Protein backbone atom coordinates (compact mmCIF):
# COMPACT_ATOMS: atom_id res chain seq x y z
CA UNK A 1 125.76 83.61 74.08
CA UNK A 2 123.49 85.73 71.88
CA UNK A 3 121.33 82.52 71.16
CA UNK A 4 121.09 81.76 74.81
CA UNK A 5 119.79 85.46 75.74
CA UNK A 6 117.30 85.20 72.92
CA UNK A 7 116.07 81.89 74.32
CA UNK A 8 115.77 83.13 77.81
CA UNK A 9 113.93 85.95 76.49
CA UNK A 10 111.51 83.88 74.43
CA UNK A 11 110.88 81.55 77.43
CA UNK A 12 109.94 84.55 79.72
CA UNK A 13 107.72 85.90 77.09
CA UNK A 14 106.01 82.69 76.63
CA UNK A 15 105.74 82.15 80.53
CA UNK A 16 104.30 85.69 81.10
CA UNK A 17 101.60 85.03 78.14
CA UNK A 18 100.62 81.50 79.79
CA UNK A 19 100.11 83.43 83.08
CA UNK A 20 98.00 86.39 81.59
CA UNK A 21 95.78 83.90 79.81
CA UNK A 22 95.13 81.85 83.00
CA UNK A 23 94.62 84.60 85.15
CA UNK A 24 92.17 86.33 82.72
CA UNK A 25 89.98 83.06 82.34
CA UNK A 26 90.04 82.67 86.20
CA UNK A 27 88.59 86.27 86.76
CA UNK A 28 85.87 85.73 84.27
CA UNK A 29 84.56 82.76 85.93
CA UNK A 30 84.58 84.50 89.39
CA UNK A 31 82.76 87.42 87.74
CA UNK A 32 79.81 85.85 86.31
CA UNK A 33 77.29 85.85 89.62
CA UNK A 34 77.51 89.99 90.04
CA UNK A 35 77.98 91.23 86.46
CA UNK A 36 75.59 93.65 84.98
CA UNK A 37 75.32 95.20 81.80
CA UNK A 38 74.40 98.78 81.65
CA UNK A 39 73.43 100.55 78.36
CA UNK A 40 76.04 102.71 77.00
CA UNK A 41 78.31 102.08 79.74
CA UNK A 42 79.11 98.19 79.25
CA UNK A 43 79.67 95.46 81.92
CA UNK A 44 79.84 96.49 85.54
CA UNK A 45 80.43 94.22 88.69
CA UNK A 46 79.15 94.53 92.03
CA UNK A 47 76.10 96.11 93.65
CA UNK A 48 75.84 99.09 91.51
CA UNK A 49 73.51 100.91 94.03
CA UNK A 50 76.56 101.24 96.51
CA UNK A 51 78.08 104.71 97.40
CA UNK A 52 81.64 102.86 96.78
CA UNK A 53 80.96 100.86 93.53
CA UNK A 54 83.81 101.63 91.22
CA UNK A 55 81.19 101.47 88.04
CA UNK A 56 83.94 99.14 86.38
CA UNK A 57 84.15 95.96 84.70
CA UNK A 58 87.42 94.96 86.27
CA UNK A 59 86.99 95.98 89.95
CA UNK A 60 84.04 96.12 92.65
CA UNK A 61 84.93 98.99 94.78
CA UNK A 62 87.56 100.60 96.77
CA UNK A 63 86.96 99.28 100.26
CA UNK A 64 86.14 95.68 99.26
CA UNK A 65 87.72 94.97 95.79
CA UNK A 66 87.46 91.20 95.87
CA UNK A 67 83.78 91.06 97.00
CA UNK A 68 81.63 89.82 97.73
CA UNK A 69 78.96 92.65 98.06
CA UNK A 70 76.31 90.89 99.94
CA UNK A 71 76.50 91.58 103.41
CA UNK A 72 79.39 93.90 103.00
CA UNK A 73 79.95 96.14 105.93
CA UNK A 74 80.83 98.97 104.15
CA UNK A 75 77.83 99.26 101.82
CA UNK A 76 76.23 102.77 101.77
CA UNK A 77 73.33 103.57 99.76
CA UNK A 78 74.20 105.79 96.99
CA UNK A 79 72.65 109.35 97.01
CA UNK A 80 70.90 110.47 93.80
CA UNK A 81 71.93 114.12 92.71
CA UNK A 82 69.48 116.11 90.51
CA UNK A 83 70.93 114.81 87.14
CA UNK A 84 70.44 111.31 88.08
CA UNK A 85 66.76 111.52 89.47
CA UNK A 86 65.67 112.86 86.27
């Protein structure tokens, strides 16, 4: 019974690792078109001039996380604050 339990855990662990590896490669391919590198921040995806952009390398925004940003009905130009304009 113990061997069966250990074998089952090992199979589940292997399945989870295979799924995570496949999903990660798939997401990288999808993001290639709208990835940006911002000095001091790193890679960001989506239209960084939008008010709703998450400024993240993993998710575009809260209202349209899967994209695309081009033609998005929720797009709003980000307002510059005094610290950003200098």
